[in-house]
Amino acid sequence: MERRVLFAVFLCFLVLYLWQALVVKPVPAPTQGVAPKTAPAAVAPPATTEAESSPPETQEPPSPSATALVAESTERDIRVETDDVIAVFTNRGARLKSWRLKKYLDGAKQPQELVEKEALALKQPLPFTLKTADPQMNLTLTDALYAVSGQPPGDGVVSSRTDLRFEFRDSAGVHAVKEFQIEPSSYIVTVRATVSSGDQVLPAALVWGPAVGDRLKASTLVQGAQGIYFEAGGEDPVRLTASAIAKQPMAEGNFRYAGVDDNYFMTAALDTGQSRITFQPVTIPAAPNTSEAARELVSFTLERQASGDALKVFVGPKALDVLTAIDREFANAIHFGRFAIIVVPLLQSLKWLHGFVGNWGWAIVILTIIINVVMAPLRHKQVVSMRKMQEIQPEMKAIQDRYSKLKATDPAKQKMNQELMALYRERGANPAAGCVPMLLIIPIMIAMWAALQVSIELRGAPWVGWISDLSAPDPYYVLPVLMVATQFWQQKMAPMTGADPAQQKMMLFMPLVMGFIFFSLPSGALLYYVAGTLIGIGQQYLTNYLIGPPNVRTVRPPAERRVKRVGGGKTEAASREK
């Protein structure tokens, strides 16, 4: 029984790894939020011609044929610094040039940037670029130098809500206004944009160029940039990888939120109303003379039915408390997996422990100890059950040998099961008792994996010595080696009575296989597994001490039992012959 349990654990880890590393997330069916739910005329989208689909920066602006009436003569930046972000707008196109998070740092220990710096160099649109059905209008709106009002004085640091207003008007009748509201403590910016030509109001979509794109090196198993949207009344958010976007780049509906996210950060429009969102993969090439790899990002265009209404856009971290404060449904953007009901309490417990110890690594160790203490009765019961099965293993084999020549369809074969059940009742053994505790333990192990995988708090968080980032793999592979060694130690302690030599070798080989599979795990997850294995070893020693050594009975074959020795070295049969 214990072999089957250990093999099941191995398979769970193997499936989890393959699912994370190899399996491509399924493309959502058109009926699940992708197909339009209203007539195409319900949303007044700009035309989608090939010329228009290219970003505005990809075309050369025409020679000016109209005179600017409301505008500025020179290009300049407008800086706004709040408690959480440092935002920089440019008056050229009235767009967002930089959005840095003060509480989250990049590899250079600087505020994390969520606007791709290479966007303009790659002729990609900046955030809040306007897009209409008229390509000529798009060029005008993008290249215009808007007049700015509401700019914070001095260094741009604000302590109250900031209202920026960008306005452009020319002699050809083009009039565009963009208004931004930035709260002093929030990752949300509220935008309202209107475009008109003469007396005609033009529907205008908002374009966000390459989004997120965290440069901090992390595990290869973490989620990269992908499209995400959640429809009102839906159950789970829809996530679109690059391959899924290539097949179905557009979705239409009433979105609670829609945008782009990666493992730790997100850019998403909130409560869009009836809208259409279109995703586009963007490749950011590696910088020359660096070891940095090319990055696959995603841009999106949002076309709303009520394009002139105010729209809230979240640009910030996927931290549980931050998203929950906005809306409990918004917290579903964190990919907790199927065991979210367990992951969330574990993540909250981890944050609570960190408030006491001040180190995320030691918080993981303490939480691992608490989890194992809670599960200790289940593990003890499992070991006791496995010990009972180990003790009756010879008697079970003797019963099975007596019926081994019978076919499975032979009615006499049922007697074997009856004898086995009688043996279980007599010795108080239960074959399922060794597996049921594991069915409760495995979900907690997987949930802890998920909690450590998606927790932004571990990003860039050091533990001790060589572990400077718990979200990245161990640079010297110390934890993977410890994991293999401790699991091999634990495997040697497991009872192997009744197992054939081939099975014993396979079970002892399992730690090496798991070490090879998980050597690239984030250090935080490896720390959890190593700490849990060491605690399991200590508990195994304690359980073995409490229950004592196994009392294994030796059952002699029937022929041997018929020839029993009597005094003087003579058998009972030889005595009767005399």
Protein backbone atom coordinates (compact mmCIF):
# COMPACT_ATOMS: atom_id res chain seq x y z
CA MET A 1 0.00 0.00 0.00
CA GLU A 2 2.78 2.42 0.90
CA ARG A 3 4.36 1.92 -2.52
CA ARG A 4 1.17 2.91 -4.25
CA VAL A 5 0.83 6.03 -2.10
CA LEU A 6 4.38 7.17 -2.82
CA PHE A 7 3.95 6.44 -6.49
CA ALA A 8 0.73 8.49 -6.48
CA VAL A 9 2.58 11.43 -4.90
CA PHE A 10 5.27 11.15 -7.56
CA LEU A 11 2.68 11.16 -10.33
CA CYS A 12 0.98 14.22 -8.81
CA PHE A 13 4.24 16.17 -8.85
CA LEU A 14 5.02 14.99 -12.37
CA VAL A 15 1.62 15.97 -13.71
CA LEU A 16 1.83 19.35 -11.94
CA TYR A 17 5.20 20.08 -13.51
CA LEU A 18 4.19 19.01 -16.99
CA TRP A 19 1.00 21.04 -16.73
CA GLN A 20 2.94 24.16 -15.74
CA ALA A 21 5.79 23.75 -18.21
CA LEU A 22 4.41 22.06 -21.31
CA VAL A 23 0.65 22.18 -21.56
CA VAL A 24 -0.68 25.17 -23.46
CA LYS A 25 -3.75 26.69 -21.91
CA PRO A 26 -6.83 25.85 -23.99
CA VAL A 27 -8.22 28.43 -26.37
CA PRO A 28 -11.61 29.63 -25.09
CA ALA A 29 -14.51 28.53 -27.23
CA PRO A 30 -16.22 31.28 -29.20
CA THR A 31 -19.39 30.72 -27.20
CA GLN A 32 -17.66 31.51 -23.93
CA GLY A 33 -17.34 35.24 -24.13
CA VAL A 34 -15.56 35.50 -27.49
CA ALA A 35 -18.55 35.54 -29.78
CA PRO A 36 -20.37 38.86 -29.88
CA LYS A 37 -23.36 38.93 -27.59
CA THR A 38 -24.93 41.88 -29.35
CA ALA A 39 -25.36 42.94 -32.90
CA PRO A 40 -22.20 44.36 -34.43
CA ALA A 41 -23.85 47.77 -34.55
CA ALA A 42 -24.16 47.85 -30.75
CA VAL A 43 -20.51 48.86 -30.52
CA ALA A 44 -19.48 51.62 -32.82
CA PRO A 45 -15.96 50.41 -33.55
CA PRO A 46 -13.51 52.05 -35.88
CA ALA A 47 -12.97 50.31 -39.18
CA THR A 48 -10.43 47.51 -39.10
CA THR A 49 -8.62 47.98 -42.37
CA GLU A 50 -5.06 46.84 -42.75
CA ALA A 51 -3.75 50.39 -42.86
CA GLU A 52 -5.58 51.33 -39.70
CA SER A 53 -4.58 48.23 -37.75
CA SER A 54 -0.96 49.37 -37.75
CA PRO A 55 0.06 51.52 -34.79
CA PRO A 56 -0.07 55.25 -35.46
CA GLU A 57 3.69 55.57 -35.10
CA THR A 58 4.32 53.22 -38.04
CA GLN A 59 3.30 55.87 -40.58
CA GLU A 60 4.99 59.16 -41.34
CA PRO A 61 2.83 62.18 -40.42
CA PRO A 62 1.68 64.18 -43.42
CA SER A 63 2.59 67.78 -44.00
CA PRO A 64 0.46 69.96 -41.76
CA SER A 65 -2.48 71.36 -43.64
CA ALA A 66 -4.28 72.89 -40.64
CA THR A 67 -3.20 75.44 -38.08
CA ALA A 68 -3.21 74.53 -34.41
CA LEU A 69 -5.54 76.79 -32.44
CA VAL A 70 -5.31 75.21 -28.97
CA ALA A 71 -1.92 73.53 -28.52
CA GLU A 72 1.60 74.06 -27.22
CA SER A 73 4.68 74.90 -29.24
CA THR A 74 7.14 72.47 -27.66
CA GLU A 75 7.03 68.89 -26.47
CA ARG A 76 7.32 68.43 -22.71
CA ASP A 77 6.69 65.91 -19.93
CA ILE A 78 4.26 66.21 -17.03
CA ARG A 79 5.32 64.35 -13.89
CA VAL A 80 2.89 63.25 -11.16
CA GLU A 81 4.14 61.43 -8.07
CA THR A 82 1.74 59.88 -5.55
CA ASP A 83 2.23 57.55 -2.59
CA ASP A 84 2.30 54.53 -4.93
CA VAL A 85 3.38 55.58 -8.43
CA ILE A 86 5.52 57.98 -10.40
CA ALA A 87 3.67 58.81 -13.62
CA VAL A 88 5.04 60.76 -16.57
CA PHE A 89 2.74 62.02 -19.34
CA THR A 90 3.85 63.61 -22.56
CA ASN A 91 1.89 66.39 -24.22
CA ARG A 92 2.65 64.85 -27.64
CA GLY A 93 -0.50 62.87 -28.17
CA ALA A 94 -1.50 63.33 -24.50
CA ARG A 95 -0.23 59.87 -23.65
CA LEU A 96 1.36 58.02 -20.76
CA LYS A 97 5.12 57.80 -21.10
CA SER A 98 6.07 56.13 -17.81
CA TRP A 99 4.28 54.48 -14.87
CA ARG A 100 6.60 53.31 -12.13
CA LEU A 101 5.58 51.52 -8.94
CA LYS A 102 7.38 52.90 -5.90
CA LYS A 103 6.76 49.85 -3.68
CA TYR A 104 7.96 47.26 -6.21
CA LEU A 105 11.51 47.31 -7.54
CA ASP A 106 13.18 46.01 -10.67
CA GLY A 107 16.52 44.22 -10.98
CA ALA A 108 18.38 47.50 -10.54
CA LYS A 109 16.45 48.21 -7.32
CA GLN A 110 14.57 51.03 -9.00
CA PRO A 111 10.77 51.50 -9.08
CA GLN A 112 9.23 48.92 -11.41
CA GLU A 113 8.31 50.34 -14.82
CA LEU A 114 5.03 49.13 -16.37
CA VAL A 115 5.24 51.12 -19.62
CA GLU A 116 7.55 49.53 -22.15
CA LYS A 117 10.49 51.88 -22.72
CA GLU A 118 11.19 50.44 -26.15
CA ALA A 119 7.66 51.19 -27.44
CA LEU A 120 8.51 54.34 -29.37
CA ALA A 121 11.78 52.92 -30.73
CA LEU A 122 9.83 49.91 -32.04
CA LYS A 123 7.09 52.19 -33.45
CA GLN A 124 4.55 50.84 -30.97
CA PRO A 125 1.84 53.06 -29.47
CA LEU A 126 2.14 54.50 -25.99
CA PRO A 127 -0.71 53.95 -23.49
CA PHE A 128 -3.87 56.03 -24.04
CA THR A 129 -3.25 56.48 -27.74
CA LEU A 130 -6.52 57.36 -29.50
CA LYS A 131 -7.68 55.42 -32.56
CA THR A 132 -10.58 56.37 -34.83
CA ALA A 133 -11.86 55.06 -38.15
CA ASP A 134 -9.87 57.78 -40.00
CA PRO A 135 -6.12 57.03 -40.35
CA GLN A 136 -5.38 60.70 -41.11
CA MET A 137 -7.18 61.72 -37.93
CA ASN A 138 -5.17 59.17 -35.95
CA LEU A 139 -1.91 60.70 -37.15
CA THR A 140 -3.08 64.15 -36.18
CA LEU A 141 -4.17 63.07 -32.69
CA THR A 142 -0.92 61.20 -32.06
CA ASP A 143 1.48 63.89 -33.23
CA ALA A 144 -0.31 66.94 -31.81
CA LEU A 145 1.19 68.90 -28.91
CA TYR A 146 -1.74 69.24 -26.55
CA ALA A 147 -2.21 72.19 -24.23
CA VAL A 148 -1.97 71.07 -20.61
CA SER A 149 -3.80 72.34 -17.54
CA GLY A 150 -3.88 71.04 -13.98
CA GLN A 151 -0.17 70.18 -13.87
CA PRO A 152 1.15 69.79 -10.29
CA PRO A 153 3.58 72.54 -9.29
CA GLY A 154 7.25 71.98 -8.59
CA ASP A 155 8.47 68.39 -8.47
CA GLY A 156 5.03 66.91 -9.24
CA VAL A 157 4.51 65.32 -5.81
CA VAL A 158 0.81 65.45 -4.91
CA SER A 159 -1.14 64.73 -1.75
CA SER A 160 -4.65 65.04 -3.19
CA ARG A 161 -6.43 64.04 -6.36
CA THR A 162 -4.80 65.42 -9.50
CA ASP A 163 -6.84 66.35 -12.58
CA LEU A 164 -4.83 66.70 -15.77
CA ARG A 165 -6.51 68.08 -18.87
CA PHE A 166 -5.01 67.83 -22.35
CA GLU A 167 -6.71 69.73 -25.21
CA PHE A 168 -6.00 70.15 -28.90
CA ARG A 169 -7.93 72.09 -31.56
CA ASP A 170 -6.98 73.06 -35.09
CA SER A 171 -8.41 75.11 -37.92
CA ALA A 172 -9.68 72.00 -39.71
CA GLY A 173 -12.25 71.47 -36.96
CA VAL A 174 -10.42 68.68 -35.12
CA HIS A 175 -11.00 68.90 -31.37
CA ALA A 176 -9.66 66.37 -28.87
CA VAL A 177 -9.76 66.41 -25.08
CA LYS A 178 -8.23 63.91 -22.67
CA GLU A 179 -8.80 64.19 -18.93
CA PHE A 180 -6.91 62.11 -16.39
CA GLN A 181 -7.72 61.77 -12.69
CA ILE A 182 -5.01 60.35 -10.44
CA GLU A 183 -5.69 59.56 -6.79
CA PRO A 184 -2.95 60.19 -4.18
CA SER A 185 -2.95 56.54 -3.06
CA SER A 186 -4.08 54.20 -5.80
CA TYR A 187 -2.95 52.27 -8.86
CA ILE A 188 -6.00 53.45 -10.82
CA VAL A 189 -6.07 56.28 -13.31
CA THR A 190 -9.44 57.52 -14.61
CA VAL A 191 -9.47 58.71 -18.21
CA ARG A 192 -12.11 60.46 -20.31
CA ALA A 193 -11.43 61.10 -24.00
CA THR A 194 -13.57 62.86 -26.61
CA VAL A 195 -12.80 63.47 -30.27
CA SER A 196 -14.83 65.55 -32.70
CA SER A 197 -14.49 66.81 -36.22
CA GLY A 198 -16.55 69.91 -36.65
CA ASP A 199 -19.93 69.17 -35.11
CA GLN A 200 -19.53 65.40 -35.42
CA VAL A 201 -18.41 63.39 -32.37
CA LEU A 202 -16.17 60.50 -33.46
CA PRO A 203 -16.02 57.13 -31.65
CA ALA A 204 -12.46 56.66 -30.44
CA ALA A 205 -10.80 53.51 -29.11
CA LEU A 206 -8.06 53.53 -26.49
CA VAL A 207 -4.85 51.74 -27.42
CA TRP A 208 -2.39 50.43 -24.85
CA GLY A 209 0.95 49.44 -26.31
CA PRO A 210 3.15 46.56 -25.07
CA ALA A 211 1.93 46.00 -21.52
CA VAL A 212 3.69 44.92 -18.32
CA GLY A 213 6.83 43.00 -19.35
CA ASP A 214 8.61 42.41 -16.06
CA ARG A 215 12.37 42.29 -16.71
CA LEU A 216 13.27 40.79 -13.34
CA LYS A 217 14.64 37.27 -13.88
CA ALA A 218 12.37 34.67 -12.34
CA SER A 219 11.58 31.00 -12.73
CA THR A 220 10.80 29.75 -16.24
CA LEU A 221 7.58 28.30 -14.85
CA VAL A 222 5.97 31.65 -14.04
CA GLN A 223 3.30 33.12 -16.28
CA GLY A 224 4.36 35.46 -19.06
CA ALA A 225 2.37 38.32 -20.55
CA GLN A 226 -1.05 37.29 -21.82
CA GLY A 227 -4.48 38.74 -22.53
CA ILE A 228 -7.14 38.51 -19.85
CA TYR A 229 -10.78 39.50 -19.57
CA PHE A 230 -13.66 38.75 -17.24
CA GLU A 231 -17.24 39.22 -18.34
CA ALA A 232 -19.98 40.42 -16.02
CA GLY A 233 -21.79 37.37 -14.69
CA GLY A 234 -18.93 35.04 -15.62
CA GLU A 235 -17.34 32.46 -13.34
CA ASP A 236 -13.64 32.66 -14.21
CA PRO A 237 -11.47 35.07 -16.19
CA VAL A 238 -10.47 34.05 -19.70
CA ARG A 239 -6.70 33.97 -20.26
CA LEU A 240 -5.22 34.17 -23.75
CA THR A 241 -1.67 33.11 -24.55
CA ALA A 242 0.06 34.23 -27.74
CA SER A 243 -1.04 31.08 -29.56
CA ALA A 244 -4.65 31.62 -28.45
CA ILE A 245 -4.53 35.28 -29.55
CA ALA A 246 -3.32 34.21 -32.99
CA LYS A 247 -6.48 32.11 -33.39
CA GLN A 248 -8.97 34.50 -31.76
CA PRO A 249 -7.55 37.99 -31.05
CA MET A 250 -10.88 39.71 -30.38
CA ALA A 251 -13.53 39.37 -27.67
CA GLU A 252 -16.74 41.31 -27.20
CA GLY A 253 -18.91 41.69 -24.13
CA ASN A 254 -19.60 43.64 -20.95
CA PHE A 255 -16.28 43.27 -19.15
CA ARG A 256 -15.72 43.70 -15.43
CA TYR A 257 -12.07 43.98 -16.38
CA ALA A 258 -10.03 43.41 -19.53
CA GLY A 259 -6.39 43.95 -20.40
CA VAL A 260 -3.00 42.27 -20.11
CA ASP A 261 -1.25 40.66 -17.16
CA ASP A 262 1.76 38.54 -16.32
CA ASN A 263 2.60 36.63 -13.17
CA TYR A 264 2.95 39.71 -10.96
CA PHE A 265 1.57 42.83 -12.71
CA MET A 266 -1.51 43.87 -14.64
CA THR A 267 -2.87 46.61 -16.88
CA ALA A 268 -6.66 46.38 -17.18
CA ALA A 269 -9.67 48.58 -17.88
CA LEU A 270 -12.41 48.22 -15.26
CA ASP A 271 -16.16 48.06 -15.84
CA THR A 272 -15.89 48.81 -19.54
CA GLY A 273 -19.57 48.42 -20.39
CA GLN A 274 -20.41 46.88 -23.77
CA SER A 275 -17.01 46.80 -25.44
CA ARG A 276 -14.72 45.04 -27.83
CA ILE A 277 -11.11 44.27 -26.96
CA THR A 278 -8.48 43.21 -29.47
CA PHE A 279 -5.14 41.73 -28.42
CA GLN A 280 -1.90 41.74 -30.39
CA PRO A 281 1.35 39.91 -29.51
CA VAL A 282 4.46 42.10 -29.59
CA THR A 283 8.06 40.85 -29.54
CA ILE A 284 10.57 43.08 -27.75
CA PRO A 285 14.04 42.12 -29.03
CA ALA A 286 16.91 41.66 -26.62
CA ALA A 287 19.08 44.67 -25.96
CA PRO A 288 22.44 44.49 -27.78
CA ASN A 289 25.51 43.36 -25.84
CA THR A 290 23.43 41.92 -23.00
CA SER A 291 22.41 38.45 -21.85
CA GLU A 292 18.78 39.52 -21.75
CA ALA A 293 16.46 37.39 -23.89
CA ALA A 294 13.75 38.71 -26.17
CA ARG A 295 10.41 39.24 -24.45
CA GLU A 296 6.96 38.35 -25.73
CA LEU A 297 4.47 41.02 -24.65
CA VAL A 298 0.88 41.84 -25.58
CA SER A 299 -0.81 45.12 -26.53
CA PHE A 300 -4.55 45.72 -26.64
CA THR A 301 -7.15 48.06 -28.11
CA LEU A 302 -10.40 48.76 -26.29
CA GLU A 303 -13.40 49.99 -28.27
CA ARG A 304 -16.37 50.99 -26.10
CA GLN A 305 -19.94 51.71 -27.03
CA ALA A 306 -19.86 54.77 -24.74
CA SER A 307 -16.38 55.90 -25.77
CA GLY A 308 -16.74 59.37 -24.22
CA ASP A 309 -17.57 58.13 -20.72
CA ALA A 310 -15.01 58.00 -17.94
CA LEU A 311 -13.02 54.76 -17.75
CA LYS A 312 -10.95 53.47 -14.85
CA VAL A 313 -7.69 51.72 -15.72
CA PHE A 314 -5.72 49.69 -13.18
CA VAL A 315 -1.94 49.67 -13.69
CA GLY A 316 -0.29 47.93 -10.78
CA PRO A 317 0.66 44.80 -8.86
CA LYS A 318 -1.39 41.61 -8.64
CA ALA A 319 -1.30 41.75 -4.85
CA LEU A 320 -4.25 40.09 -3.14
CA ASP A 321 -5.00 42.95 -0.76
CA VAL A 322 -4.70 45.57 -3.52
CA LEU A 323 -7.06 43.77 -5.91
CA THR A 324 -9.54 42.80 -3.18
CA ALA A 325 -9.77 46.44 -2.06
CA ILE A 326 -10.94 47.34 -5.58
CA ASP A 327 -13.37 44.43 -6.02
CA ARG A 328 -13.44 40.86 -4.74
CA GLU A 329 -14.02 39.62 -8.30
CA PHE A 330 -10.92 41.51 -9.42
CA ALA A 331 -8.82 39.28 -7.16
CA ASN A 332 -9.65 36.37 -9.50
CA ALA A 333 -7.08 37.85 -11.87
CA ILE A 334 -4.47 36.13 -9.67
CA HIS A 335 -4.21 32.63 -11.10
CA PHE A 336 -4.70 30.59 -7.93
CA GLY A 337 -5.72 27.43 -9.80
CA ARG A 338 -8.35 24.88 -8.83
CA PHE A 339 -7.53 25.02 -5.12
CA ALA A 340 -8.16 28.76 -4.68
CA ILE A 341 -10.30 28.06 -1.62
CA ILE A 342 -7.13 26.74 0.08
CA VAL A 343 -4.57 29.02 -1.60
CA VAL A 344 -6.07 32.30 -0.35
CA PRO A 345 -5.98 31.37 3.38
CA LEU A 346 -2.43 30.05 2.97
CA LEU A 347 -1.34 33.29 1.30
CA GLN A 348 -2.97 35.39 3.99
CA SER A 349 -1.33 33.26 6.69
CA LEU A 350 2.05 33.70 5.00
CA LYS A 351 1.63 37.49 5.00
CA TRP A 352 0.55 37.44 8.64
CA LEU A 353 3.66 35.48 9.64
CA HIS A 354 5.87 37.83 7.65
CA GLY A 355 4.51 40.67 9.75
CA PHE A 356 6.15 39.02 12.76
CA VAL A 357 9.43 37.63 11.42
CA GLY A 358 10.12 40.22 8.69
CA ASN A 359 11.62 37.65 6.31
CA TRP A 360 9.60 35.81 3.67
CA GLY A 361 11.92 32.78 3.70
CA TRP A 362 11.52 32.21 7.42
CA ALA A 363 7.80 32.89 7.09
CA ILE A 364 7.64 29.99 4.60
CA VAL A 365 9.53 27.73 7.00
CA ILE A 366 7.25 28.60 9.94
CA LEU A 367 4.11 28.14 7.85
CA THR A 368 5.45 24.76 6.69
CA ILE A 369 5.94 23.71 10.30
CA ILE A 370 2.40 24.81 11.20
CA ILE A 371 0.92 22.92 8.23
CA ASN A 372 2.81 19.75 9.13
CA VAL A 373 1.80 20.00 12.78
CA VAL A 374 -1.85 20.29 11.73
CA MET A 375 -1.47 17.32 9.39
CA ALA A 376 0.55 15.27 11.90
CA PRO A 377 -2.46 13.19 13.11
CA LEU A 378 -3.29 12.29 9.50
CA ARG A 379 0.29 11.29 8.77
CA HIS A 380 0.46 9.27 11.99
CA LYS A 381 -2.75 7.47 11.10
CA GLN A 382 -1.39 6.78 7.64
CA VAL A 383 1.84 5.28 8.98
CA VAL A 384 -0.04 3.14 11.52
CA SER A 385 -2.34 1.83 8.79
CA MET A 386 0.59 1.10 6.50
CA ARG A 387 2.35 -0.69 9.37
CA LYS A 388 -0.67 -2.95 9.92
CA MET A 389 -0.78 -3.76 6.23
CA GLN A 390 2.93 -4.49 6.33
CA GLU A 391 2.47 -6.92 9.24
CA ILE A 392 -0.22 -8.97 7.48
CA GLN A 393 1.55 -8.88 4.10
CA PRO A 394 2.90 -12.48 4.39
CA GLU A 395 -0.55 -13.82 5.33
CA MET A 396 -2.16 -11.91 2.47
CA LYS A 397 0.38 -13.36 0.06
CA ALA A 398 -0.27 -16.88 1.36
CA ILE A 399 -4.01 -16.47 0.73
CA GLN A 400 -3.40 -15.05 -2.73
CA ASP A 401 -1.00 -17.89 -3.59
CA ARG A 402 -3.63 -20.51 -2.76
CA TYR A 403 -5.99 -18.99 -5.34
CA SER A 404 -3.36 -17.89 -7.86
CA LYS A 405 -4.18 -20.67 -10.35
CA LEU A 406 -7.87 -19.78 -10.50
CA LYS A 407 -9.22 -17.50 -13.22
CA ALA A 408 -10.70 -14.17 -12.27
CA THR A 409 -14.10 -15.37 -13.51
CA ASP A 410 -14.03 -18.49 -11.36
CA PRO A 411 -16.71 -18.25 -8.61
CA ALA A 412 -14.23 -19.84 -6.19
CA LYS A 413 -12.08 -16.73 -6.61
CA GLN A 414 -14.58 -14.87 -4.44
CA LYS A 415 -13.47 -16.95 -1.48
CA MET A 416 -10.06 -15.27 -1.68
CA ASN A 417 -11.66 -11.84 -1.22
CA GLN A 418 -13.75 -13.16 1.66
CA GLU A 419 -10.64 -14.53 3.39
CA LEU A 420 -8.79 -11.27 2.84
CA MET A 421 -11.67 -9.24 4.29
CA ALA A 422 -11.80 -11.60 7.28
CA LEU A 423 -8.05 -11.10 7.77
CA TYR A 424 -8.46 -7.30 7.64
CA ARG A 425 -11.20 -7.41 10.30
CA GLU A 426 -9.23 -9.78 12.52
CA ARG A 427 -6.07 -7.61 12.47
CA GLY A 428 -7.83 -4.20 12.37
CA ALA A 429 -6.27 -3.26 9.02
CA ASN A 430 -7.87 -1.08 6.36
CA PRO A 431 -6.32 -0.93 2.87
CA ALA A 432 -7.88 2.49 2.17
CA ALA A 433 -6.78 4.05 5.46
CA GLY A 434 -3.26 4.56 4.12
CA CYS A 435 -4.51 6.45 1.04
CA VAL A 436 -7.34 8.61 2.42
CA PRO A 437 -5.03 10.86 4.53
CA MET A 438 -2.87 11.41 1.46
CA LEU A 439 -5.93 12.56 -0.50
CA LEU A 440 -6.29 15.36 2.06
CA ILE A 441 -2.59 16.17 2.20
CA ILE A 442 -1.95 16.43 -1.56
CA PRO A 443 -4.38 19.36 -2.17
CA ILE A 444 -2.65 21.34 0.58
CA MET A 445 0.75 20.66 -1.01
CA ILE A 446 -0.49 21.79 -4.43
CA ALA A 447 -2.21 24.84 -2.91
CA MET A 448 1.00 25.85 -1.15
CA TRP A 449 2.82 25.49 -4.48
CA ALA A 450 0.29 27.84 -6.10
CA ALA A 451 0.50 30.36 -3.25
CA LEU A 452 4.29 30.57 -3.55
CA GLN A 453 4.09 30.68 -7.34
CA VAL A 454 1.78 33.71 -7.62
CA SER A 455 2.71 35.67 -4.49
CA ILE A 456 4.15 38.99 -5.64
CA GLU A 457 5.56 39.47 -2.14
CA LEU A 458 8.23 36.83 -2.90
CA ARG A 459 9.36 38.67 -6.04
CA GLY A 460 12.87 39.94 -5.31
CA ALA A 461 12.57 38.96 -1.62
CA PRO A 462 15.81 37.57 -0.10
CA TRP A 463 16.07 34.75 2.43
CA VAL A 464 19.64 34.08 3.65
CA GLY A 465 23.08 34.10 2.06
CA TRP A 466 22.96 33.10 -1.59
CA ILE A 467 19.14 33.24 -1.88
CA SER A 468 18.51 36.84 -2.92
CA ASP A 469 15.20 36.24 -4.71
CA LEU A 470 12.68 33.65 -3.54
CA SER A 471 10.78 33.89 -6.84
CA ALA A 472 13.87 32.86 -8.86
CA PRO A 473 15.67 29.49 -9.00
CA ASP A 474 18.51 28.77 -6.59
CA PRO A 475 21.59 30.15 -8.41
CA TYR A 476 23.89 27.49 -6.92
CA TYR A 477 21.36 24.61 -6.85
CA VAL A 478 21.84 24.05 -3.13
CA LEU A 479 18.13 23.67 -2.43
CA PRO A 480 17.55 21.19 -5.31
CA VAL A 481 20.41 19.04 -4.00
CA LEU A 482 18.99 19.20 -0.48
CA MET A 483 15.59 18.23 -1.82
CA VAL A 484 17.01 15.12 -3.51
CA ALA A 485 19.05 14.16 -0.43
CA THR A 486 16.18 14.59 2.04
CA GLN A 487 13.71 12.73 -0.16
CA PHE A 488 16.21 9.88 -0.61
CA TRP A 489 16.61 9.76 3.18
CA GLN A 490 12.85 9.71 3.64
CA GLN A 491 12.49 7.02 0.99
CA LYS A 492 15.03 4.80 2.76
CA MET A 493 12.95 5.08 5.92
CA ALA A 494 9.74 3.98 4.19
CA PRO A 495 8.86 0.29 4.81
CA MET A 496 9.53 -1.80 1.72
CA THR A 497 8.44 -5.23 3.00
CA GLY A 498 6.80 -7.25 0.26
CA ALA A 499 8.20 -5.14 -2.58
CA ASP A 500 10.23 -6.86 -5.26
CA PRO A 501 13.80 -5.60 -5.93
CA ALA A 502 12.78 -3.82 -9.14
CA GLN A 503 10.13 -1.80 -7.33
CA GLN A 504 12.52 -0.95 -4.52
CA LYS A 505 15.08 0.40 -7.01
CA MET A 506 12.40 2.42 -8.78
CA MET A 507 11.23 4.01 -5.53
CA LEU A 508 14.81 4.89 -4.55
CA PHE A 509 15.34 6.41 -8.00
CA MET A 510 12.32 8.70 -7.65
CA PRO A 511 14.16 11.48 -5.71
CA LEU A 512 16.66 11.82 -8.55
CA VAL A 513 13.85 12.10 -11.08
CA MET A 514 12.06 14.73 -9.02
CA GLY A 515 15.30 16.63 -8.47
CA PHE A 516 15.84 16.77 -12.24
CA ILE A 517 12.27 17.95 -12.82
CA PHE A 518 12.20 20.59 -10.11
CA PHE A 519 15.74 22.00 -10.23
CA SER A 520 14.36 25.18 -11.87
CA LEU A 521 11.60 25.73 -9.31
CA PRO A 522 11.47 29.11 -7.53
CA SER A 523 13.58 29.07 -4.39
CA GLY A 524 10.52 29.73 -2.21
CA ALA A 525 8.79 26.57 -3.45
CA LEU A 526 11.96 24.50 -3.01
CA LEU A 527 12.38 25.86 0.50
CA TYR A 528 8.85 24.69 1.32
CA TYR A 529 9.50 21.18 -0.04
CA VAL A 530 12.86 20.80 1.72
CA ALA A 531 11.47 22.05 5.04
CA GLY A 532 8.41 19.81 4.70
CA THR A 533 10.55 16.75 3.93
CA LEU A 534 12.81 17.35 6.93
CA ILE A 535 9.78 17.70 9.19
CA GLY A 536 8.32 14.53 7.67
CA ILE A 537 11.54 12.66 8.45
CA GLY A 538 11.43 13.80 12.07
CA GLN A 539 7.81 12.79 12.35
CA GLN A 540 8.59 9.39 10.81
CA TYR A 541 11.24 8.77 13.49
CA LEU A 542 8.79 9.80 16.22
CA THR A 543 6.03 7.57 14.85
CA ASN A 544 8.39 4.60 14.54
CA TYR A 545 9.43 5.14 18.17
CA LEU A 546 5.84 5.29 19.37
CA ILE A 547 4.53 2.23 17.53
CA GLY A 548 7.71 0.16 17.77
CA PRO A 549 9.16 -2.21 15.17
CA PRO A 550 6.79 -4.14 12.90
CA ASN A 551 5.58 -7.51 14.09
CA VAL A 552 5.87 -9.45 10.85
CA ARG A 553 4.43 -12.97 10.89
CA THR A 554 6.05 -15.71 8.83
CA VAL A 555 3.57 -18.04 7.21
CA ARG A 556 4.92 -21.44 6.20
CA PRO A 557 3.70 -23.14 3.04
CA PRO A 558 0.96 -25.81 3.48
CA ALA A 559 3.38 -28.67 2.72
CA GLU A 560 5.75 -27.51 5.44
CA ARG A 561 2.95 -27.26 7.97
CA ARG A 562 1.99 -30.92 7.37
CA VAL A 563 5.52 -32.12 8.24
CA LYS A 564 6.04 -30.97 11.83
CA ARG A 565 9.04 -32.03 13.87
CA VAL A 566 8.74 -33.85 17.21
CA GLY A 567 11.29 -34.70 19.89
CA GLY A 568 14.64 -36.21 18.90
CA GLY A 569 14.67 -34.51 15.53
CA LYS A 570 12.06 -36.90 14.08
CA THR A 571 9.08 -35.76 12.14
CA GLU A 572 5.51 -36.53 13.19
CA ALA A 573 5.04 -38.69 10.07
CA ALA A 574 8.16 -40.80 10.85
CA SER A 575 6.96 -41.34 14.43
CA ARG A 576 3.62 -42.69 13.18
CA GLU A 577 5.46 -45.16 10.86
CA LYS A 578 7.12 -46.73 13.86
